[in-house]
């Protein structure tokens, strides 16, 4: 497996789960540490809203309608901010369709590519991932479940687990990896 440096991470908060859900906030942290975050105003036909999801991310429909920005503006900014790179998601199965829905609504093609974090993380990293992420969330004092904070936490979890495996190779051997 090719060793990667510090990856660029995208995280998306959404109106819920399932085929009718849509993106309401996107957060990015680049390998350089630069960040981007935007609330997304729903399109007129984006009607699905899940109160359970709202409880998790703390973003109300009223907030995104009042302060969200139109998909076209957000997509143009994402393309400019990211350029032609690969960004990674730890929830690609959800984030990819939401990102596609955002760009489809904007009638813009993304310049960048979204890939699952599993494409660059080793098996040993993934085995240590959940515990490391919980520990880091506490250490970094990330209280809100929001896109930019989550993107930063994912990036730090990737780096921490990679360094953990590099520092303690016996951990990888003990787990059979």
C-alpha atoms as a PDB file:
ATOM      1  CA  UNK A   1       0.000   0.000   0.000  1.00  0.00           C
ATOM      2  CA  UNK A   2       1.355   3.415  -0.969  1.00  0.00           C
ATOM      3  CA  UNK A   3       1.956   5.644   2.061  1.00  0.00           C
ATOM      4  CA  UNK A   4      -0.061   8.851   2.013  1.00  0.00           C
ATOM      5  CA  UNK A   5       0.738  12.079   3.801  1.00  0.00           C
ATOM      6  CA  UNK A   6      -1.943  14.090   5.482  1.00  0.00           C
ATOM      7  CA  UNK A   7      -5.184  13.540   3.540  1.00  0.00           C
ATOM      8  CA  UNK A   8      -7.799  16.126   2.643  1.00  0.00           C
ATOM      9  CA  UNK A   9     -11.077  15.149   4.296  1.00  0.00           C
ATOM     10  CA  UNK A  10     -14.708  15.967   3.462  1.00  0.00           C
ATOM     11  CA  UNK A  11     -17.600  15.444   5.844  1.00  0.00           C
ATOM     12  CA  UNK A  12     -21.262  16.090   5.084  1.00  0.00           C
ATOM     13  CA  UNK A  13     -24.203  16.524   7.433  1.00  0.00           C
ATOM     14  CA  UNK A  14     -27.581  15.716   5.927  1.00  0.00           C
ATOM     15  CA  UNK A  15     -31.318  16.021   6.419  1.00  0.00           C
ATOM     16  CA  UNK A  16     -31.494  12.328   7.291  1.00  0.00           C
ATOM     17  CA  UNK A  17     -30.604   9.023   5.681  1.00  0.00           C
ATOM     18  CA  UNK A  18     -32.035   7.262   2.670  1.00  0.00           C
ATOM     19  CA  UNK A  19     -32.783   8.211  -0.896  1.00  0.00           C
ATOM     20  CA  UNK A  20     -34.735  11.384  -0.087  1.00  0.00           C
ATOM     21  CA  UNK A  21     -32.094  12.918   2.181  1.00  0.00           C
ATOM     22  CA  UNK A  22     -29.882  15.769   1.023  1.00  0.00           C
ATOM     23  CA  UNK A  23     -26.779  17.652   2.184  1.00  0.00           C
ATOM     24  CA  UNK A  24     -27.276  20.522   4.620  1.00  0.00           C
ATOM     25  CA  UNK A  25     -23.670  21.253   5.632  1.00  0.00           C
ATOM     26  CA  UNK A  26     -20.294  20.406   4.152  1.00  0.00           C
ATOM     27  CA  UNK A  27     -16.951  20.674   5.886  1.00  0.00           C
ATOM     28  CA  UNK A  28     -13.479  20.222   4.447  1.00  0.00           C
ATOM     29  CA  UNK A  29     -10.027  20.210   5.987  1.00  0.00           C
ATOM     30  CA  UNK A  30      -7.149  20.169   3.525  1.00  0.00           C
ATOM     31  CA  UNK A  31      -3.805  18.511   4.057  1.00  0.00           C
ATOM     32  CA  UNK A  32      -2.419  22.021   4.659  1.00  0.00           C
ATOM     33  CA  UNK A  33      -4.873  22.539   7.533  1.00  0.00           C
ATOM     34  CA  UNK A  34      -7.009  25.065   5.637  1.00  0.00           C
ATOM     35  CA  UNK A  35     -10.722  24.626   6.297  1.00  0.00           C
ATOM     36  CA  UNK A  36     -13.956  25.272   4.461  1.00  0.00           C
ATOM     37  CA  UNK A  37     -17.474  24.972   5.828  1.00  0.00           C
ATOM     38  CA  UNK A  38     -20.867  25.955   4.449  1.00  0.00           C
ATOM     39  CA  UNK A  39     -24.496  25.487   5.344  1.00  0.00           C
ATOM     40  CA  UNK A  40     -26.530  24.519   2.278  1.00  0.00           C
ATOM     41  CA  UNK A  41     -29.960  25.967   1.561  1.00  0.00           C
ATOM     42  CA  UNK A  42     -32.308  23.215   0.383  1.00  0.00           C
ATOM     43  CA  UNK A  43     -33.642  23.196  -3.143  1.00  0.00           C
ATOM     44  CA  UNK A  44     -37.448  23.539  -3.386  1.00  0.00           C
ATOM     45  CA  UNK A  45     -37.901  19.791  -3.992  1.00  0.00           C
ATOM     46  CA  UNK A  46     -35.621  18.816  -1.082  1.00  0.00           C
ATOM     47  CA  UNK A  47     -38.372  18.234   1.454  1.00  0.00           C
ATOM     48  CA  UNK A  48     -37.279  15.250   3.571  1.00  0.00           C
ATOM     49  CA  UNK A  49     -36.405  16.152   7.158  1.00  0.00           C
ATOM     50  CA  UNK A  50     -35.504  13.727   9.950  1.00  0.00           C
ATOM     51  CA  UNK A  51     -35.755  15.015  13.515  1.00  0.00           C
ATOM     52  CA  UNK A  52     -33.383  12.262  14.702  1.00  0.00           C
ATOM     53  CA  UNK A  53     -30.695  13.546  12.339  1.00  0.00           C
ATOM     54  CA  UNK A  54     -31.344  17.093  13.572  1.00  0.00           C
ATOM     55  CA  UNK A  55     -30.812  15.881  17.138  1.00  0.00           C
ATOM     56  CA  UNK A  56     -27.402  14.476  16.143  1.00  0.00           C
ATOM     57  CA  UNK A  57     -26.033  17.454  14.180  1.00  0.00           C
ATOM     58  CA  UNK A  58     -28.019  20.221  15.870  1.00  0.00           C
ATOM     59  CA  UNK A  59     -28.871  21.998  12.616  1.00  0.00           C
ATOM     60  CA  UNK A  60     -32.516  22.972  12.173  1.00  0.00           C
ATOM     61  CA  UNK A  61     -34.315  23.280   8.863  1.00  0.00           C
ATOM     62  CA  UNK A  62     -35.075  26.897   9.791  1.00  0.00           C
ATOM     63  CA  UNK A  63     -31.343  27.589  10.176  1.00  0.00           C
ATOM     64  CA  UNK A  64     -30.396  26.215   6.759  1.00  0.00           C
ATOM     65  CA  UNK A  65     -33.294  28.013   5.099  1.00  0.00           C
ATOM     66  CA  UNK A  66     -32.242  31.305   6.711  1.00  0.00           C
ATOM     67  CA  UNK A  67     -28.443  31.014   6.563  1.00  0.00           C
ATOM     68  CA  UNK A  68     -27.750  28.276   4.036  1.00  0.00           C
ATOM     69  CA  UNK A  69     -26.174  29.148   0.715  1.00  0.00           C
ATOM     70  CA  UNK A  70     -27.405  27.987  -2.670  1.00  0.00           C
ATOM     71  CA  UNK A  71     -25.880  24.769  -4.063  1.00  0.00           C
ATOM     72  CA  UNK A  72     -24.336  26.560  -7.063  1.00  0.00           C
ATOM     73  CA  UNK A  73     -22.379  28.930  -4.815  1.00  0.00           C
ATOM     74  CA  UNK A  74     -21.203  26.127  -2.508  1.00  0.00           C
ATOM     75  CA  UNK A  75     -20.128  23.919  -5.430  1.00  0.00           C
ATOM     76  CA  UNK A  76     -18.194  26.730  -7.113  1.00  0.00           C
ATOM     77  CA  UNK A  77     -16.397  27.448  -3.835  1.00  0.00           C
ATOM     78  CA  UNK A  78     -15.624  23.753  -3.278  1.00  0.00           C
ATOM     79  CA  UNK A  79     -14.132  23.450  -6.768  1.00  0.00           C
ATOM     80  CA  UNK A  80     -11.992  26.531  -6.214  1.00  0.00           C
ATOM     81  CA  UNK A  81     -10.946  25.448  -2.712  1.00  0.00           C
ATOM     82  CA  UNK A  82     -10.090  21.852  -3.627  1.00  0.00           C
ATOM     83  CA  UNK A  83      -9.004  21.982  -7.253  1.00  0.00           C
ATOM     84  CA  UNK A  84      -8.149  18.684  -8.912  1.00  0.00           C
ATOM     85  CA  UNK A  85      -7.316  16.562  -5.870  1.00  0.00           C
ATOM     86  CA  UNK A  86      -8.672  13.458  -4.207  1.00  0.00           C
ATOM     87  CA  UNK A  87     -10.453  14.078  -0.923  1.00  0.00           C
ATOM     88  CA  UNK A  88     -11.483  11.306   1.447  1.00  0.00           C
ATOM     89  CA  UNK A  89     -14.554  10.464   3.503  1.00  0.00           C
ATOM     90  CA  UNK A  90     -14.997   8.004   6.349  1.00  0.00           C
ATOM     91  CA  UNK A  91     -18.671   7.640   5.394  1.00  0.00           C
ATOM     92  CA  UNK A  92     -18.317   7.526   1.618  1.00  0.00           C
ATOM     93  CA  UNK A  93     -21.443   5.367   1.203  1.00  0.00           C
ATOM     94  CA  UNK A  94     -23.494   8.345   2.464  1.00  0.00           C
ATOM     95  CA  UNK A  95     -21.300  11.322   1.558  1.00  0.00           C
ATOM     96  CA  UNK A  96     -20.847  10.392  -2.107  1.00  0.00           C
ATOM     97  CA  UNK A  97     -24.580  10.417  -2.992  1.00  0.00           C
ATOM     98  CA  UNK A  98     -25.083  13.642  -1.006  1.00  0.00           C
ATOM     99  CA  UNK A  99     -22.166  15.293  -2.807  1.00  0.00           C
ATOM    100  CA  UNK A 100     -23.548  14.085  -6.152  1.00  0.00           C
ATOM    101  CA  UNK A 101     -26.967  15.487  -5.272  1.00  0.00           C
ATOM    102  CA  UNK A 102     -25.414  18.852  -4.385  1.00  0.00           C
ATOM    103  CA  UNK A 103     -23.460  19.119  -7.639  1.00  0.00           C
ATOM    104  CA  UNK A 104     -26.417  17.875  -9.699  1.00  0.00           C
ATOM    105  CA  UNK A 105     -28.610  20.626  -8.206  1.00  0.00           C
ATOM    106  CA  UNK A 106     -25.913  23.192  -9.030  1.00  0.00           C
ATOM    107  CA  UNK A 107     -25.499  21.823 -12.574  1.00  0.00           C
ATOM    108  CA  UNK A 108     -21.735  21.853 -12.044  1.00  0.00           C
ATOM    109  CA  UNK A 109     -19.200  19.034 -12.269  1.00  0.00           C
ATOM    110  CA  UNK A 110     -16.812  18.612  -9.346  1.00  0.00           C
ATOM    111  CA  UNK A 111     -13.134  19.198 -10.170  1.00  0.00           C
ATOM    112  CA  UNK A 112     -12.089  16.950  -7.298  1.00  0.00           C
ATOM    113  CA  UNK A 113     -12.658  13.275  -6.601  1.00  0.00           C
ATOM    114  CA  UNK A 114     -14.190  11.842  -3.416  1.00  0.00           C
ATOM    115  CA  UNK A 115     -12.824   8.494  -2.285  1.00  0.00           C
ATOM    116  CA  UNK A 116     -13.388   6.285   0.779  1.00  0.00           C
ATOM    117  CA  UNK A 117     -10.797   6.653   3.557  1.00  0.00           C
ATOM    118  CA  UNK A 118     -10.463   2.868   3.344  1.00  0.00           C
ATOM    119  CA  UNK A 119      -8.552   3.387   0.087  1.00  0.00           C
ATOM    120  CA  UNK A 120      -5.577   4.845   1.983  1.00  0.00           C
ATOM    121  CA  UNK A 121      -5.936   3.439   5.512  1.00  0.00           C
ATOM    122  CA  UNK A 122      -4.359   0.103   6.342  1.00  0.00           C
ATOM    123  CA  UNK A 123      -6.343  -2.728   7.841  1.00  0.00           C
ATOM    124  CA  UNK A 124      -4.504  -2.205  11.126  1.00  0.00           C
ATOM    125  CA  UNK A 125      -5.524   1.471  11.120  1.00  0.00           C
ATOM    126  CA  UNK A 126      -9.146   0.557  10.526  1.00  0.00           C
ATOM    127  CA  UNK A 127      -9.095  -1.917  13.415  1.00  0.00           C
ATOM    128  CA  UNK A 128      -7.874   0.848  15.741  1.00  0.00           C
ATOM    129  CA  UNK A 129     -10.097   3.539  14.168  1.00  0.00           C
ATOM    130  CA  UNK A 130     -13.212   3.669  16.366  1.00  0.00           C
ATOM    131  CA  UNK A 131     -11.368   3.644  19.681  1.00  0.00           C
ATOM    132  CA  UNK A 132      -8.833   6.199  18.446  1.00  0.00           C
ATOM    133  CA  UNK A 133     -11.574   8.478  17.125  1.00  0.00           C
ATOM    134  CA  UNK A 134     -13.396   8.442  20.483  1.00  0.00           C
ATOM    135  CA  UNK A 135     -10.177   9.199  22.345  1.00  0.00           C
ATOM    136  CA  UNK A 136      -9.246  12.038  19.986  1.00  0.00           C
ATOM    137  CA  UNK A 137     -12.732  13.580  20.139  1.00  0.00           C
ATOM    138  CA  UNK A 138     -12.263  13.830  23.894  1.00  0.00           C
ATOM    139  CA  UNK A 139      -8.685  15.154  23.656  1.00  0.00           C
ATOM    140  CA  UNK A 140      -9.549  17.705  20.975  1.00  0.00           C
ATOM    141  CA  UNK A 141     -12.648  18.727  22.957  1.00  0.00           C
ATOM    142  CA  UNK A 142     -14.924  18.522  19.919  1.00  0.00           C
ATOM    143  CA  UNK A 143     -18.382  19.003  21.383  1.00  0.00           C
ATOM    144  CA  UNK A 144     -20.531  19.642  18.321  1.00  0.00           C
ATOM    145  CA  UNK A 145     -21.239  17.060  15.643  1.00  0.00           C
ATOM    146  CA  UNK A 146     -20.727  19.430  12.710  1.00  0.00           C
ATOM    147  CA  UNK A 147     -19.110  18.945   9.322  1.00  0.00           C
ATOM    148  CA  UNK A 148     -15.892  20.965   9.700  1.00  0.00           C
ATOM    149  CA  UNK A 149     -15.144  19.620  13.182  1.00  0.00           C
ATOM    150  CA  UNK A 150     -15.894  16.089  12.033  1.00  0.00           C
ATOM    151  CA  UNK A 151     -13.620  16.486   8.991  1.00  0.00           C
ATOM    152  CA  UNK A 152     -10.796  17.622  11.280  1.00  0.00           C
ATOM    153  CA  UNK A 153     -11.438  14.728  13.677  1.00  0.00           C
ATOM    154  CA  UNK A 154     -11.372  12.223  10.791  1.00  0.00           C
ATOM    155  CA  UNK A 155      -8.104  13.674   9.501  1.00  0.00           C
ATOM    156  CA  UNK A 156      -6.535  13.527  12.960  1.00  0.00           C
ATOM    157  CA  UNK A 157      -7.802   9.964  13.462  1.00  0.00           C
ATOM    158  CA  UNK A 158      -6.164   8.917  10.202  1.00  0.00           C
ATOM    159  CA  UNK A 159      -2.847  10.483  11.239  1.00  0.00           C
ATOM    160  CA  UNK A 160      -3.023   9.119  14.788  1.00  0.00           C
ATOM    161  CA  UNK A 161      -3.805   5.549  13.728  1.00  0.00           C
ATOM    162  CA  UNK A 162      -1.112   5.616  11.044  1.00  0.00           C
ATOM    163  CA  UNK A 163       1.467   6.855  13.555  1.00  0.00           C
ATOM    164  CA  UNK A 164       0.264   4.314  16.120  1.00  0.00           C
ATOM    165  CA  UNK A 165       0.804   1.443  13.686  1.00  0.00           C
ATOM    166  CA  UNK A 166       4.186   2.867  12.606  1.00  0.00           C
ATOM    167  CA  UNK A 167       5.304   3.277  16.227  1.00  0.00           C
ATOM    168  CA  UNK A 168       3.986  -0.071  17.422  1.00  0.00           C
ATOM    169  CA  UNK A 169       4.353  -2.483  14.501  1.00  0.00           C
ATOM    170  CA  UNK A 170       3.742  -5.374  16.909  1.00  0.00           C
ATOM    171  CA  UNK A 171       0.152  -4.129  17.121  1.00  0.00           C
ATOM    172  CA  UNK A 172      -0.258  -4.821  13.422  1.00  0.00           C
ATOM    173  CA  UNK A 173       1.463  -8.221  13.731  1.00  0.00           C
ATOM    174  CA  UNK A 174      -0.608  -9.177  16.784  1.00  0.00           C
ATOM    175  CA  UNK A 175      -3.810  -8.504  14.877  1.00  0.00           C
ATOM    176  CA  UNK A 176      -2.503 -10.576  11.966  1.00  0.00           C
ATOM    177  CA  UNK A 177      -2.048  -7.654   9.601  1.00  0.00           C
END
